[in-house]
Amino acid sequence: MTTQTATSKGAATRESIVDRAYEIARASGVEGLSIGPLAAAVGMSKSGVFAHFGSREDLQLAVLEEAALRFGNTVLMPALSQARGLPRLRAIMRHWFEWIRGTTGGGCVLLASVAEYDDRPGALHDQVMHNEQRWRNEMQRAVQLAIDCGHLVVGDAEQYVFELYAIALAVHHEAGLFGYDKARRHGDAAVERWIAAYSPQR
C-alpha cells in the first residue's frame, strides 16, 4: 500500500467516523458523544477511533466543524448563485428553512451546541462562537449588499441580522413543536413582512 493510498484510506475512515458522530450528536447533542459507543457504531476499536482523534474533545470539535460545513453548503452556497440584494437574501432564508426541514427528524447540532456551550469556557465554546460569528458575518454581508443595492433602507445591518435570525429560530422551535409545514408558512410570511417593513417603497 502506497503512502498516498494509506492517507486516502485514513481520511475516508475519519470522514466515516465524523459522519456517524454527527448523526449521534443530532439526537444526543455534542455532549452526548462518547468514544466507546461511537467505536461500536462504526465497527472499530476505541484505540482505532483514538488513532484519528486524540481525545473526545477533538472528536467534538470535528463534529462542530462538520455541522458548520454542512450548514454552509446547504444554506449559503446555493444562495450565492442568486443576484445580490433581496434575491440572495430571500434565497438564504429559503435555504435556511429547508435546512430546518432536514433537522426535524433529529436535531440541529449548531443550534443545540449554543445551549450546550454558551456558558462553558474552553475550546468547544470557542468553536461554537466561531461558527456563530462566521454565519452572522455572512448574513450581515448579504444584508449590506441589499442596502447597497437600494433594496432595503439604510440601517443597522447587525440589527437586521438579529431580526432575521430571530425568525429562523422561531421556525426551528415551531417546526419541532407544531410541525414543519405550519412553521414554514409562518416563517415565509414573517420574512416577507420584514422585507416590506424595511423596503424603501413603504
Protein backbone atom coordinates (compact mmCIF):
# COMPACT_ATOMS: atom_id res chain seq x y z
CA MET A 1 0.00 0.00 0.00
CA THR A 2 1.42 3.37 -1.01
CA THR A 3 1.61 6.30 1.38
CA GLN A 4 -0.98 8.14 -0.72
CA THR A 5 -3.36 5.17 -0.61
CA ALA A 6 -2.94 4.84 3.14
CA THR A 7 -3.55 8.57 3.58
CA SER A 8 -6.68 8.43 1.43
CA LYS A 9 -7.97 5.42 3.35
CA GLY A 10 -7.28 7.16 6.65
CA ALA A 11 -9.12 10.27 5.50
CA ALA A 12 -12.09 8.19 4.38
CA THR A 13 -12.19 6.39 7.72
CA ARG A 14 -12.04 9.68 9.57
CA GLU A 15 -14.89 11.06 7.46
CA SER A 16 -16.94 7.96 8.21
CA ILE A 17 -16.37 8.38 11.95
CA VAL A 18 -17.30 12.06 11.84
CA ASP A 19 -20.41 11.29 9.80
CA ARG A 20 -21.62 8.76 12.36
CA ALA A 21 -20.68 11.05 15.25
CA TYR A 22 -22.63 13.86 13.62
CA GLU A 23 -25.76 11.71 13.49
CA ILE A 24 -25.34 10.76 17.15
CA ALA A 25 -24.91 14.44 18.05
CA ARG A 26 -28.12 15.32 16.21
CA ALA A 27 -30.01 13.07 18.60
CA SER A 28 -27.99 13.42 21.80
CA GLY A 29 -26.06 16.68 21.45
CA VAL A 30 -22.32 17.12 21.16
CA GLU A 31 -22.02 16.34 24.87
CA GLY A 32 -23.68 13.01 24.12
CA LEU A 33 -20.68 11.84 22.13
CA SER A 34 -18.58 9.12 23.70
CA ILE A 35 -15.68 7.24 22.12
CA GLY A 36 -16.81 3.77 23.25
CA PRO A 37 -20.36 3.77 21.80
CA LEU A 38 -19.13 5.57 18.68
CA ALA A 39 -16.44 2.95 18.12
CA ALA A 40 -19.05 0.22 18.39
CA ALA A 41 -21.35 2.08 15.99
CA VAL A 42 -18.67 2.27 13.29
CA GLY A 43 -17.33 -1.24 13.94
CA MET A 44 -13.95 -0.14 15.27
CA SER A 45 -11.99 -0.47 18.47
CA LYS A 46 -11.70 2.53 20.79
CA SER A 47 -7.98 2.67 20.00
CA GLY A 48 -8.87 2.76 16.31
CA VAL A 49 -11.05 5.82 16.85
CA PHE A 50 -8.37 7.42 19.05
CA ALA A 51 -5.92 6.98 16.16
CA HIS A 52 -7.98 9.58 14.27
CA PHE A 53 -8.97 11.76 17.24
CA GLY A 54 -6.61 12.21 20.11
CA SER A 55 -9.38 12.93 22.57
CA ARG A 56 -13.14 13.17 22.97
CA GLU A 57 -12.84 16.93 22.67
CA ASP A 58 -11.02 16.61 19.34
CA LEU A 59 -13.92 14.49 18.10
CA GLN A 60 -16.46 17.01 19.36
CA LEU A 61 -14.61 19.86 17.64
CA ALA A 62 -14.58 17.89 14.39
CA VAL A 63 -18.35 17.38 14.64
CA LEU A 64 -18.92 21.10 15.24
CA GLU A 65 -16.79 21.90 12.20
CA GLU A 66 -18.70 19.33 10.15
CA ALA A 67 -22.02 20.82 11.21
CA ALA A 68 -20.89 24.30 10.14
CA LEU A 69 -19.66 22.94 6.80
CA ARG A 70 -22.94 21.17 6.10
CA PHE A 71 -24.93 24.25 7.06
CA GLY A 72 -22.86 26.47 4.79
CA ASN A 73 -23.14 24.05 1.87
CA THR A 74 -26.91 23.79 2.32
CA VAL A 75 -27.80 27.40 3.09
CA LEU A 76 -25.16 29.81 1.84
CA MET A 77 -23.56 28.23 -1.21
CA PRO A 78 -26.79 27.76 -3.25
CA ALA A 79 -27.87 31.31 -2.39
CA LEU A 80 -24.67 32.79 -3.81
CA SER A 81 -25.89 31.95 -7.32
CA GLN A 82 -28.67 34.50 -6.87
CA ALA A 83 -28.30 38.19 -7.69
CA ARG A 84 -27.01 40.43 -4.91
CA GLY A 85 -29.61 42.13 -2.79
CA LEU A 86 -33.05 40.79 -1.94
CA PRO A 87 -32.88 37.81 -4.34
CA ARG A 88 -29.85 36.49 -2.49
CA LEU A 89 -31.19 37.39 0.96
CA ARG A 90 -34.50 35.66 0.21
CA ALA A 91 -32.60 32.61 -1.04
CA ILE A 92 -30.56 32.46 2.16
CA MET A 93 -33.71 32.46 4.28
CA ARG A 94 -35.42 29.94 2.00
CA HIS A 95 -32.48 27.53 2.17
CA TRP A 96 -32.22 28.12 5.92
CA PHE A 97 -35.83 27.00 6.27
CA GLU A 98 -35.03 23.95 4.11
CA TRP A 99 -32.15 23.17 6.47
CA ILE A 100 -34.66 23.23 9.31
CA ARG A 101 -36.82 20.75 7.39
CA GLY A 102 -33.82 18.42 7.32
CA THR A 103 -33.30 18.64 11.08
CA THR A 104 -36.86 17.77 12.12
CA GLY A 105 -36.05 14.04 12.19
CA GLY A 106 -33.24 14.53 14.68
CA GLY A 107 -31.95 17.92 15.66
CA CYS A 108 -29.71 20.81 14.65
CA VAL A 109 -26.21 20.32 16.03
CA LEU A 110 -25.41 24.01 15.61
CA LEU A 111 -28.48 25.22 17.46
CA ALA A 112 -28.09 22.67 20.25
CA SER A 113 -24.39 23.46 20.65
CA VAL A 114 -25.17 27.07 21.58
CA ALA A 115 -27.24 25.90 24.53
CA GLU A 116 -24.59 23.34 25.47
CA TYR A 117 -21.55 25.62 25.45
CA ASP A 118 -22.68 29.25 25.72
CA ASP A 119 -21.56 29.43 29.36
CA ARG A 120 -18.72 26.90 29.33
CA PRO A 121 -15.30 28.42 28.58
CA GLY A 122 -12.93 26.31 26.52
CA ALA A 123 -12.18 25.08 23.03
CA LEU A 124 -15.73 23.88 22.36
CA HIS A 125 -17.21 27.22 23.42
CA ASP A 126 -14.69 28.98 21.16
CA GLN A 127 -15.65 26.79 18.20
CA VAL A 128 -19.34 27.49 18.76
CA MET A 129 -18.59 31.20 18.89
CA HIS A 130 -16.54 30.94 15.71
CA ASN A 131 -19.35 29.13 13.91
CA GLU A 132 -21.92 31.66 15.06
CA GLN A 133 -19.83 34.72 14.27
CA ARG A 134 -18.88 33.41 10.83
CA TRP A 135 -22.53 32.89 9.95
CA ARG A 136 -23.60 36.27 11.29
CA ASN A 137 -20.83 37.89 9.23
CA GLU A 138 -22.14 36.18 6.09
CA MET A 139 -25.67 37.32 6.89
CA GLN A 140 -24.50 40.85 7.58
CA ARG A 141 -22.67 40.88 4.24
CA ALA A 142 -25.84 39.80 2.44
CA VAL A 143 -27.91 42.43 4.24
CA GLN A 144 -25.40 45.17 3.49
CA LEU A 145 -25.44 44.23 -0.19
CA ALA A 146 -29.24 44.54 -0.15
CA ILE A 147 -28.87 48.01 1.39
CA ASP A 148 -26.22 48.97 -1.16
CA CYS A 149 -28.48 47.78 -3.99
CA GLY A 150 -31.25 50.01 -2.71
CA HIS A 151 -33.48 47.04 -1.85
CA LEU A 152 -33.53 47.87 1.89
CA VAL A 153 -33.46 51.22 3.64
CA VAL A 154 -30.16 52.28 5.15
CA GLY A 155 -29.98 51.00 8.70
CA ASP A 156 -28.06 48.95 11.25
CA ALA A 157 -27.11 45.78 9.36
CA GLU A 158 -26.29 43.98 12.61
CA GLN A 159 -29.79 44.69 13.90
CA TYR A 160 -31.27 43.49 10.62
CA VAL A 161 -29.39 40.21 11.01
CA PHE A 162 -30.63 39.85 14.59
CA GLU A 163 -34.23 40.11 13.40
CA LEU A 164 -33.80 37.64 10.54
CA TYR A 165 -32.03 35.25 12.89
CA ALA A 166 -34.98 35.54 15.29
CA ILE A 167 -37.37 34.48 12.52
CA ALA A 168 -35.27 31.41 11.74
CA LEU A 169 -35.07 30.47 15.44
CA ALA A 170 -38.85 30.74 15.72
CA VAL A 171 -39.24 28.43 12.74
CA HIS A 172 -36.81 25.95 14.34
CA HIS A 173 -38.83 25.83 17.55
CA GLU A 174 -42.26 25.79 15.97
CA ALA A 175 -41.27 23.07 13.49
CA GLY A 176 -40.37 20.77 16.36
CA LEU A 177 -43.45 21.53 18.40
CA PHE A 178 -46.21 22.04 15.85
CA GLY A 179 -44.89 20.63 12.58
CA TYR A 180 -42.68 21.92 9.81
CA ASP A 181 -45.38 22.94 7.33
CA LYS A 182 -47.05 25.33 9.77
CA ALA A 183 -43.72 26.73 10.86
CA ARG A 184 -42.62 27.24 7.26
CA ARG A 185 -45.77 29.19 6.40
CA HIS A 186 -45.22 31.44 9.38
CA GLY A 187 -41.54 31.84 8.55
CA ASP A 188 -42.13 32.74 4.90
CA ALA A 189 -44.79 35.27 5.89
CA ALA A 190 -42.52 36.77 8.54
CA VAL A 191 -39.67 37.22 6.07
CA GLU A 192 -41.92 38.99 3.58
CA ARG A 193 -43.30 41.25 6.31
CA TRP A 194 -39.76 42.02 7.41
CA ILE A 195 -38.77 42.93 3.86
CA ALA A 196 -41.85 45.11 3.48
CA ALA A 197 -41.05 46.89 6.74
CA TYR A 198 -37.57 47.84 5.53
CA SER A 199 -38.43 48.43 1.89
CA PRO A 200 -37.64 51.92 0.52
CA GLN A 201 -41.04 51.85 -1.22
CA ARG A 202 -43.02 51.99 2.03
